[in-house]
Amino acid sequence: MSEEVEKIKQQFFYPVSKYHGRYTPQRMVFDSNLQEFSQRVSFVCALESNGKMTGEEAYQEIKKLKKQLKKAKKQLLDPNFSQDDDAEPKI
């Protein structure tokens, strides 16, 4: 019974939706990264709303998460990406 309860908790706190796009392993990994980004942003927003984190801290955390997501997207989906590009993102 407790395994079933843990599974339900896991599904509630970390929902995963199916991928509906053109299948490639890179797109599947990016979709997973995107879902994780969304979940983490939700947690940060909840922490800020409940006063556990300041607005500035929440902003900086979301900014960091967005930067990580952009890097993952570039590595996974950009056909012109090379390891040398990983050194410093161009703005």
PDB file of N, CA and C in Angstrom:
ATOM      1  N   MET A   1       0.820  -1.196   0.000  1.00  0.00           N
ATOM      2  CA  MET A   1       0.000   0.000   0.000  1.00  0.00           C
ATOM      3  C   MET A   1       0.864   1.260   0.000  1.00  0.00           C
ATOM      4  N   SER A   2       1.948   1.272   0.765  1.00  0.00           N
ATOM      5  CA  SER A   2       2.752   2.488   0.844  1.00  0.00           C
ATOM      6  C   SER A   2       3.461   2.780  -0.480  1.00  0.00           C
ATOM      7  N   GLU A   3       3.813   1.727  -1.236  1.00  0.00           N
ATOM      8  CA  GLU A   3       4.419   1.953  -2.555  1.00  0.00           C
ATOM      9  C   GLU A   3       3.429   2.645  -3.484  1.00  0.00           C
ATOM     10  N   GLU A   4       2.176   2.254  -3.382  1.00  0.00           N
ATOM     11  CA  GLU A   4       1.141   2.866  -4.206  1.00  0.00           C
ATOM     12  C   GLU A   4       0.943   4.330  -3.827  1.00  0.00           C
ATOM     13  N   VAL A   5       0.966   4.624  -2.539  1.00  0.00           N
ATOM     14  CA  VAL A   5       0.832   6.002  -2.065  1.00  0.00           C
ATOM     15  C   VAL A   5       2.015   6.839  -2.547  1.00  0.00           C
ATOM     16  N   GLU A   6       3.213   6.287  -2.471  1.00  0.00           N
ATOM     17  CA  GLU A   6       4.404   7.000  -2.938  1.00  0.00           C
ATOM     18  C   GLU A   6       4.327   7.280  -4.431  1.00  0.00           C
ATOM     19  N   LYS A   7       3.811   6.314  -5.194  1.00  0.00           N
ATOM     20  CA  LYS A   7       3.671   6.501  -6.636  1.00  0.00           C
ATOM     21  C   LYS A   7       2.683   7.622  -6.943  1.00  0.00           C
ATOM     22  N   ILE A   8       1.582   7.665  -6.206  1.00  0.00           N
ATOM     23  CA  ILE A   8       0.584   8.718  -6.390  1.00  0.00           C
ATOM     24  C   ILE A   8       1.169  10.081  -6.034  1.00  0.00           C
ATOM     25  N   LYS A   9       1.929  10.150  -4.937  1.00  0.00           N
ATOM     26  CA  LYS A   9       2.587  11.400  -4.551  1.00  0.00           C
ATOM     27  C   LYS A   9       3.555  11.853  -5.646  1.00  0.00           C
ATOM     28  N   GLN A  10       4.335  10.910  -6.157  1.00  0.00           N
ATOM     29  CA  GLN A  10       5.321  11.219  -7.204  1.00  0.00           C
ATOM     30  C   GLN A  10       4.622  11.787  -8.432  1.00  0.00           C
ATOM     31  N   GLN A  11       3.515  11.172  -8.839  1.00  0.00           N
ATOM     32  CA  GLN A  11       2.774  11.644 -10.003  1.00  0.00           C
ATOM     33  C   GLN A  11       2.149  13.010  -9.757  1.00  0.00           C
ATOM     34  N   PHE A  12       1.752  13.272  -8.513  1.00  0.00           N
ATOM     35  CA  PHE A  12       1.149  14.557  -8.191  1.00  0.00           C
ATOM     36  C   PHE A  12       2.183  15.677  -8.188  1.00  0.00           C
ATOM     37  N   PHE A  13       3.308  15.442  -7.517  1.00  0.00           N
ATOM     38  CA  PHE A  13       4.324  16.481  -7.383  1.00  0.00           C
ATOM     39  C   PHE A  13       5.186  16.641  -8.628  1.00  0.00           C
ATOM     40  N   TYR A  14       5.349  15.591  -9.407  1.00  0.00           N
ATOM     41  CA  TYR A  14       6.196  15.632 -10.604  1.00  0.00           C
ATOM     42  C   TYR A  14       5.435  15.067 -11.797  1.00  0.00           C
ATOM     43  N   PRO A  15       4.394  15.776 -12.251  1.00  0.00           N
ATOM     44  CA  PRO A  15       3.609  15.253 -13.375  1.00  0.00           C
ATOM     45  C   PRO A  15       4.438  15.215 -14.656  1.00  0.00           C
ATOM     46  N   VAL A  16       4.193  14.202 -15.448  1.00  0.00           N
ATOM     47  CA  VAL A  16       4.885  14.044 -16.722  1.00  0.00           C
ATOM     48  C   VAL A  16       3.827  13.851 -17.796  1.00  0.00           C
ATOM     49  N   SER A  17       3.916  14.664 -18.833  1.00  0.00           N
ATOM     50  CA  SER A  17       2.965  14.499 -19.930  1.00  0.00           C
ATOM     51  C   SER A  17       3.681  13.846 -21.105  1.00  0.00           C
ATOM     52  N   LYS A  18       2.905  13.237 -21.973  1.00  0.00           N
ATOM     53  CA  LYS A  18       3.463  12.546 -23.123  1.00  0.00           C
ATOM     54  C   LYS A  18       3.947  13.541 -24.165  1.00  0.00           C
ATOM     55  N   TYR A  19       4.931  13.126 -24.930  1.00  0.00           N
ATOM     56  CA  TYR A  19       5.485  13.948 -26.000  1.00  0.00           C
ATOM     57  C   TYR A  19       4.635  13.758 -27.255  1.00  0.00           C
ATOM     58  N   HIS A  20       4.241  14.865 -27.893  1.00  0.00           N
ATOM     59  CA  HIS A  20       3.354  14.796 -29.052  1.00  0.00           C
ATOM     60  C   HIS A  20       3.983  15.333 -30.332  1.00  0.00           C
ATOM     61  N   GLY A  21       5.283  15.448 -30.378  1.00  0.00           N
ATOM     62  CA  GLY A  21       5.945  15.992 -31.562  1.00  0.00           C
ATOM     63  C   GLY A  21       6.592  14.912 -32.404  1.00  0.00           C
ATOM     64  N   ARG A  22       7.348  15.357 -33.399  1.00  0.00           N
ATOM     65  CA  ARG A  22       8.107  14.428 -34.231  1.00  0.00           C
ATOM     66  C   ARG A  22       9.195  13.796 -33.371  1.00  0.00           C
ATOM     67  N   TYR A  23       9.284  12.479 -33.384  1.00  0.00           N
ATOM     68  CA  TYR A  23      10.182  11.783 -32.472  1.00  0.00           C
ATOM     69  C   TYR A  23      11.631  11.792 -32.942  1.00  0.00           C
ATOM     70  N   THR A  24      12.490  12.272 -32.067  1.00  0.00           N
ATOM     71  CA  THR A  24      13.935  12.055 -32.143  1.00  0.00           C
ATOM     72  C   THR A  24      14.396  11.966 -30.689  1.00  0.00           C
ATOM     73  N   PRO A  25      15.463  11.245 -30.412  1.00  0.00           N
ATOM     74  CA  PRO A  25      15.930  11.168 -29.016  1.00  0.00           C
ATOM     75  C   PRO A  25      16.249  12.550 -28.434  1.00  0.00           C
ATOM     76  N   GLN A  26      16.816  13.436 -29.263  1.00  0.00           N
ATOM     77  CA  GLN A  26      17.155  14.770 -28.777  1.00  0.00           C
ATOM     78  C   GLN A  26      15.906  15.561 -28.381  1.00  0.00           C
ATOM     79  N   ARG A  27      14.862  15.438 -29.190  1.00  0.00           N
ATOM     80  CA  ARG A  27      13.616  16.144 -28.877  1.00  0.00           C
ATOM     81  C   ARG A  27      12.965  15.591 -27.612  1.00  0.00           C
ATOM     82  N   MET A  28      13.064  14.284 -27.413  1.00  0.00           N
ATOM     83  CA  MET A  28      12.514  13.680 -26.199  1.00  0.00           C
ATOM     84  C   MET A  28      13.255  14.187 -24.959  1.00  0.00           C
ATOM     85  N   VAL A  29      14.571  14.261 -25.043  1.00  0.00           N
ATOM     86  CA  VAL A  29      15.361  14.749 -23.908  1.00  0.00           C
ATOM     87  C   VAL A  29      15.039  16.217 -23.647  1.00  0.00           C
ATOM     88  N   PHE A  30      14.941  17.019 -24.715  1.00  0.00           N
ATOM     89  CA  PHE A  30      14.608  18.424 -24.520  1.00  0.00           C
ATOM     90  C   PHE A  30      13.214  18.580 -23.924  1.00  0.00           C
ATOM     91  N   ASP A  31      12.258  17.776 -24.354  1.00  0.00           N
ATOM     92  CA  ASP A  31      10.913  17.830 -23.792  1.00  0.00           C
ATOM     93  C   ASP A  31      10.955  17.540 -22.301  1.00  0.00           C
ATOM     94  N   SER A  32      11.744  16.558 -21.921  1.00  0.00           N
ATOM     95  CA  SER A  32      11.908  16.236 -20.504  1.00  0.00           C
ATOM     96  C   SER A  32      12.517  17.421 -19.752  1.00  0.00           C
ATOM     97  N   ASN A  33      13.540  18.046 -20.341  1.00  0.00           N
ATOM     98  CA  ASN A  33      14.158  19.221 -19.722  1.00  0.00           C
ATOM     99  C   ASN A  33      13.155  20.361 -19.584  1.00  0.00           C
ATOM    100  N   LEU A  34      12.313  20.536 -20.597  1.00  0.00           N
ATOM    101  CA  LEU A  34      11.312  21.594 -20.569  1.00  0.00           C
ATOM    102  C   LEU A  34      10.290  21.356 -19.458  1.00  0.00           C
ATOM    103  N   GLN A  35       9.882  20.107 -19.286  1.00  0.00           N
ATOM    104  CA  GLN A  35       8.942  19.781 -18.215  1.00  0.00           C
ATOM    105  C   GLN A  35       9.571  20.020 -16.842  1.00  0.00           C
ATOM    106  N   GLU A  36      10.837  19.662 -16.697  1.00  0.00           N
ATOM    107  CA  GLU A  36      11.531  19.897 -15.430  1.00  0.00           C
ATOM    108  C   GLU A  36      11.658  21.394 -15.164  1.00  0.00           C
ATOM    109  N   PHE A  37      11.977  22.176 -16.191  1.00  0.00           N
ATOM    110  CA  PHE A  37      12.042  23.628 -16.057  1.00  0.00           C
ATOM    111  C   PHE A  37      10.709  24.171 -15.555  1.00  0.00           C
ATOM    112  N   SER A  38       9.635  23.742 -16.170  1.00  0.00           N
ATOM    113  CA  SER A  38       8.307  24.198 -15.788  1.00  0.00           C
ATOM    114  C   SER A  38       8.007  23.868 -14.324  1.00  0.00           C
ATOM    115  N   GLN A  39       8.347  22.667 -13.912  1.00  0.00           N
ATOM    116  CA  GLN A  39       8.101  22.241 -12.536  1.00  0.00           C
ATOM    117  C   GLN A  39       8.914  23.079 -11.552  1.00  0.00           C
ATOM    118  N   ARG A  40      10.174  23.317 -11.878  1.00  0.00           N
ATOM    119  CA  ARG A  40      11.030  24.100 -10.979  1.00  0.00           C
ATOM    120  C   ARG A  40      10.564  25.555 -10.889  1.00  0.00           C
ATOM    121  N   VAL A  41      10.136  26.122 -12.010  1.00  0.00           N
ATOM    122  CA  VAL A  41       9.618  27.492 -11.980  1.00  0.00           C
ATOM    123  C   VAL A  41       8.371  27.551 -11.103  1.00  0.00           C
ATOM    124  N   SER A  42       7.524  26.546 -11.184  1.00  0.00           N
ATOM    125  CA  SER A  42       6.336  26.495 -10.328  1.00  0.00           C
ATOM    126  C   SER A  42       6.721  26.468  -8.853  1.00  0.00           C
ATOM    127  N   PHE A  43       7.728  25.678  -8.507  1.00  0.00           N
ATOM    128  CA  PHE A  43       8.190  25.617  -7.115  1.00  0.00           C
ATOM    129  C   PHE A  43       8.745  26.968  -6.661  1.00  0.00           C
ATOM    130  N   VAL A  44       9.545  27.600  -7.507  1.00  0.00           N
ATOM    131  CA  VAL A  44      10.119  28.902  -7.161  1.00  0.00           C
ATOM    132  C   VAL A  44       9.000  29.927  -6.954  1.00  0.00           C
ATOM    133  N   CYS A  45       8.010  29.922  -7.823  1.00  0.00           N
ATOM    134  CA  CYS A  45       6.887  30.850  -7.689  1.00  0.00           C
ATOM    135  C   CYS A  45       6.124  30.604  -6.391  1.00  0.00           C
ATOM    136  N   ALA A  46       5.929  29.351  -6.051  1.00  0.00           N
ATOM    137  CA  ALA A  46       5.234  29.023  -4.803  1.00  0.00           C
ATOM    138  C   ALA A  46       6.043  29.484  -3.593  1.00  0.00           C
ATOM    139  N   LEU A  47       7.357  29.272  -3.630  1.00  0.00           N
ATOM    140  CA  LEU A  47       8.208  29.722  -2.521  1.00  0.00           C
ATOM    141  C   LEU A  47       8.150  31.244  -2.373  1.00  0.00           C
ATOM    142  N   GLU A  48       8.175  31.949  -3.487  1.00  0.00           N
ATOM    143  CA  GLU A  48       8.121  33.403  -3.440  1.00  0.00           C
ATOM    144  C   GLU A  48       6.758  33.874  -2.949  1.00  0.00           C
ATOM    145  N   SER A  49       5.701  33.233  -3.416  1.00  0.00           N
ATOM    146  CA  SER A  49       4.347  33.616  -3.007  1.00  0.00           C
ATOM    147  C   SER A  49       4.118  33.410  -1.517  1.00  0.00           C
ATOM    148  N   ASN A  50       4.762  32.399  -0.958  1.00  0.00           N
ATOM    149  CA  ASN A  50       4.591  32.091   0.468  1.00  0.00           C
ATOM    150  C   ASN A  50       5.620  32.773   1.352  1.00  0.00           C
ATOM    151  N   GLY A  51       6.426  33.656   0.780  1.00  0.00           N
ATOM    152  CA  GLY A  51       7.360  34.420   1.571  1.00  0.00           C
ATOM    153  C   GLY A  51       8.627  33.681   1.976  1.00  0.00           C
ATOM    154  N   LYS A  52       8.871  32.534   1.402  1.00  0.00           N
ATOM    155  CA  LYS A  52      10.076  31.760   1.725  1.00  0.00           C
ATOM    156  C   LYS A  52      11.276  32.212   0.901  1.00  0.00           C
ATOM    157  N   MET A  53      11.021  33.044  -0.107  1.00  0.00           N
ATOM    158  CA  MET A  53      12.062  33.512  -1.004  1.00  0.00           C
ATOM    159  C   MET A  53      11.670  34.936  -1.427  1.00  0.00           C
ATOM    160  N   THR A  54      12.647  35.810  -1.528  1.00  0.00           N
ATOM    161  CA  THR A  54      12.339  37.176  -1.961  1.00  0.00           C
ATOM    162  C   THR A  54      12.072  37.195  -3.461  1.00  0.00           C
ATOM    163  N   GLY A  55      11.478  38.265  -3.917  1.00  0.00           N
ATOM    164  CA  GLY A  55      11.217  38.410  -5.345  1.00  0.00           C
ATOM    165  C   GLY A  55      12.503  38.406  -6.156  1.00  0.00           C
ATOM    166  N   GLU A  56      13.534  39.060  -5.643  1.00  0.00           N
ATOM    167  CA  GLU A  56      14.821  39.111  -6.337  1.00  0.00           C
ATOM    168  C   GLU A  56      15.469  37.722  -6.407  1.00  0.00           C
ATOM    169  N   GLU A  57      15.395  36.970  -5.311  1.00  0.00           N
ATOM    170  CA  GLU A  57      15.943  35.606  -5.311  1.00  0.00           C
ATOM    171  C   GLU A  57      15.197  34.729  -6.314  1.00  0.00           C
ATOM    172  N   ALA A  58      13.870  34.863  -6.348  1.00  0.00           N
ATOM    173  CA  ALA A  58      13.064  34.091  -7.294  1.00  0.00           C
ATOM    174  C   ALA A  58      13.428  34.457  -8.724  1.00  0.00           C
ATOM    175  N   TYR A  59      13.572  35.744  -8.981  1.00  0.00           N
ATOM    176  CA  TYR A  59      13.947  36.208 -10.318  1.00  0.00           C
ATOM    177  C   TYR A  59      15.294  35.622 -10.738  1.00  0.00           C
ATOM    178  N   GLN A  60      16.273  35.687  -9.845  1.00  0.00           N
ATOM    179  CA  GLN A  60      17.607  35.173 -10.163  1.00  0.00           C
ATOM    180  C   GLN A  60      17.579  33.660 -10.398  1.00  0.00           C
ATOM    181  N   GLU A  61      16.800  32.942  -9.603  1.00  0.00           N
ATOM    182  CA  GLU A  61      16.699  31.486  -9.769  1.00  0.00           C
ATOM    183  C   GLU A  61      16.048  31.131 -11.101  1.00  0.00           C
ATOM    184  N   ILE A  62      14.977  31.824 -11.454  1.00  0.00           N
ATOM    185  CA  ILE A  62      14.305  31.560 -12.729  1.00  0.00           C
ATOM    186  C   ILE A  62      15.209  31.935 -13.893  1.00  0.00           C
ATOM    187  N   LYS A  63      15.940  33.015 -13.743  1.00  0.00           N
ATOM    188  CA  LYS A  63      16.889  33.430 -14.772  1.00  0.00           C
ATOM    189  C   LYS A  63      17.959  32.352 -14.982  1.00  0.00           C
ATOM    190  N   LYS A  64      18.454  31.771 -13.879  1.00  0.00           N
ATOM    191  CA  LYS A  64      19.451  30.697 -13.955  1.00  0.00           C
ATOM    192  C   LYS A  64      18.861  29.456 -14.640  1.00  0.00           C
ATOM    193  N   LEU A  65      17.625  29.116 -14.277  1.00  0.00           N
ATOM    194  CA  LEU A  65      16.967  27.959 -14.883  1.00  0.00           C
ATOM    195  C   LEU A  65      16.760  28.171 -16.384  1.00  0.00           C
ATOM    196  N   LYS A  66      16.386  29.388 -16.765  1.00  0.00           N
ATOM    197  CA  LYS A  66      16.179  29.693 -18.181  1.00  0.00           C
ATOM    198  C   LYS A  66      17.485  29.569 -18.957  1.00  0.00           C
ATOM    199  N   LYS A  67      18.574  30.029 -18.367  1.00  0.00           N
ATOM    200  CA  LYS A  67      19.884  29.935 -19.011  1.00  0.00           C
ATOM    201  C   LYS A  67      20.274  28.470 -19.220  1.00  0.00           C
ATOM    202  N   GLN A  68      20.006  27.635 -18.209  1.00  0.00           N
ATOM    203  CA  GLN A  68      20.291  26.203 -18.335  1.00  0.00           C
ATOM    204  C   GLN A  68      19.452  25.570 -19.440  1.00  0.00           C
ATOM    205  N   LEU A  69      18.181  25.965 -19.527  1.00  0.00           N
ATOM    206  CA  LEU A  69      17.301  25.414 -20.553  1.00  0.00           C
ATOM    207  C   LEU A  69      17.757  25.833 -21.948  1.00  0.00           C
ATOM    208  N   LYS A  70      18.146  27.090 -22.107  1.00  0.00           N
ATOM    209  CA  LYS A  70      18.632  27.561 -23.406  1.00  0.00           C
ATOM    210  C   LYS A  70      19.894  26.814 -23.821  1.00  0.00           C
ATOM    211  N   LYS A  71      20.773  26.553 -22.862  1.00  0.00           N
ATOM    212  CA  LYS A  71      22.006  25.816 -23.151  1.00  0.00           C
ATOM    213  C   LYS A  71      21.672  24.388 -23.592  1.00  0.00           C
ATOM    214  N   ALA A  72      20.745  23.754 -22.883  1.00  0.00           N
ATOM    215  CA  ALA A  72      20.339  22.395 -23.241  1.00  0.00           C
ATOM    216  C   ALA A  72      19.710  22.368 -24.628  1.00  0.00           C
ATOM    217  N   LYS A  73      18.883  23.365 -24.926  1.00  0.00           N
ATOM    218  CA  LYS A  73      18.245  23.423 -26.248  1.00  0.00           C
ATOM    219  C   LYS A  73      19.302  23.541 -27.338  1.00  0.00           C
ATOM    220  N   LYS A  74      20.262  24.411 -27.113  1.00  0.00           N
ATOM    221  CA  LYS A  74      21.314  24.608 -28.107  1.00  0.00           C
ATOM    222  C   LYS A  74      22.108  23.322 -28.304  1.00  0.00           C
ATOM    223  N   GLN A  75      22.458  22.647 -27.223  1.00  0.00           N
ATOM    224  CA  GLN A  75      23.242  21.417 -27.313  1.00  0.00           C
ATOM    225  C   GLN A  75      22.466  20.297 -27.996  1.00  0.00           C
ATOM    226  N   LEU A  76      21.182  20.226 -27.719  1.00  0.00           N
ATOM    227  CA  LEU A  76      20.380  19.112 -28.237  1.00  0.00           C
ATOM    228  C   LEU A  76      19.803  19.350 -29.630  1.00  0.00           C
ATOM    229  N   LEU A  77      19.396  20.570 -29.911  1.00  0.00           N
ATOM    230  CA  LEU A  77      18.614  20.803 -31.131  1.00  0.00           C
ATOM    231  C   LEU A  77      19.298  21.657 -32.189  1.00  0.00           C
ATOM    232  N   ASP A  78      20.415  22.300 -31.868  1.00  0.00           N
ATOM    233  CA  ASP A  78      21.105  23.141 -32.846  1.00  0.00           C
ATOM    234  C   ASP A  78      22.065  22.287 -33.667  1.00  0.00           C
ATOM    235  N   PRO A  79      21.813  22.126 -34.973  1.00  0.00           N
ATOM    236  CA  PRO A  79      22.684  21.277 -35.793  1.00  0.00           C
ATOM    237  C   PRO A  79      24.089  21.855 -35.968  1.00  0.00           C
ATOM    238  N   ASN A  80      24.260  23.145 -35.751  1.00  0.00           N
ATOM    239  CA  ASN A  80      25.566  23.787 -35.916  1.00  0.00           C
ATOM    240  C   ASN A  80      26.349  23.891 -34.609  1.00  0.00           C
ATOM    241  N   PHE A  81      25.827  23.297 -33.526  1.00  0.00           N
ATOM    242  CA  PHE A  81      26.476  23.393 -32.228  1.00  0.00           C
ATOM    243  C   PHE A  81      27.745  22.555 -32.202  1.00  0.00           C
ATOM    244  N   SER A  82      28.799  23.133 -31.668  1.00  0.00           N
ATOM    245  CA  SER A  82      30.028  22.387 -31.415  1.00  0.00           C
ATOM    246  C   SER A  82      30.436  22.639 -29.969  1.00  0.00           C
ATOM    247  N   GLN A  83      31.282  21.803 -29.419  1.00  0.00           N
ATOM    248  CA  GLN A  83      31.701  21.942 -28.023  1.00  0.00           C
ATOM    249  C   GLN A  83      32.382  23.286 -27.782  1.00  0.00           C
ATOM    250  N   ASP A  84      33.012  23.875 -28.801  1.00  0.00           N
ATOM    251  CA  ASP A  84      33.670  25.166 -28.647  1.00  0.00           C
ATOM    252  C   ASP A  84      32.653  26.263 -28.361  1.00  0.00           C
ATOM    253  N   ASP A  85      31.428  26.106 -28.874  1.00  0.00           N
ATOM    254  CA  ASP A  85      30.377  27.091 -28.645  1.00  0.00           C
ATOM    255  C   ASP A  85      29.922  27.103 -27.194  1.00  0.00           C
ATOM    256  N   ASP A  86      30.226  26.031 -26.473  1.00  0.00           N
ATOM    257  CA  ASP A  86      29.765  25.869 -25.102  1.00  0.00           C
ATOM    258  C   ASP A  86      30.486  26.816 -24.142  1.00  0.00           C
ATOM    259  N   ALA A  87      31.621  27.358 -24.538  1.00  0.00           N
ATOM    260  CA  ALA A  87      32.453  28.153 -23.636  1.00  0.00           C
ATOM    261  C   ALA A  87      31.710  29.370 -23.098  1.00  0.00           C
ATOM    262  N   GLU A  88      31.200  30.207 -23.945  1.00  0.00           N
ATOM    263  CA  GLU A  88      30.521  31.431 -23.517  1.00  0.00           C
ATOM    264  C   GLU A  88      29.349  31.703 -24.436  1.00  0.00           C
ATOM    265  N   PRO A  89      28.127  31.816 -23.875  1.00  0.00           N
ATOM    266  CA  PRO A  89      26.967  32.091 -24.730  1.00  0.00           C
ATOM    267  C   PRO A  89      27.067  33.489 -25.342  1.00  0.00           C
ATOM    268  N   LYS A  90      26.681  33.590 -26.607  1.00  0.00           N
ATOM    269  CA  LYS A  90      26.695  34.871 -27.302  1.00  0.00           C
ATOM    270  C   LYS A  90      25.338  35.536 -27.170  1.00  0.00           C
ATOM    271  N   ILE A  91      25.359  36.811 -26.886  1.00  0.00           N
ATOM    272  CA  ILE A  91      24.107  37.549 -26.689  1.00  0.00           C
ATOM    273  C   ILE A  91      23.880  38.486 -27.846  1.00  0.00           C
TER     274      ILE A  91
END
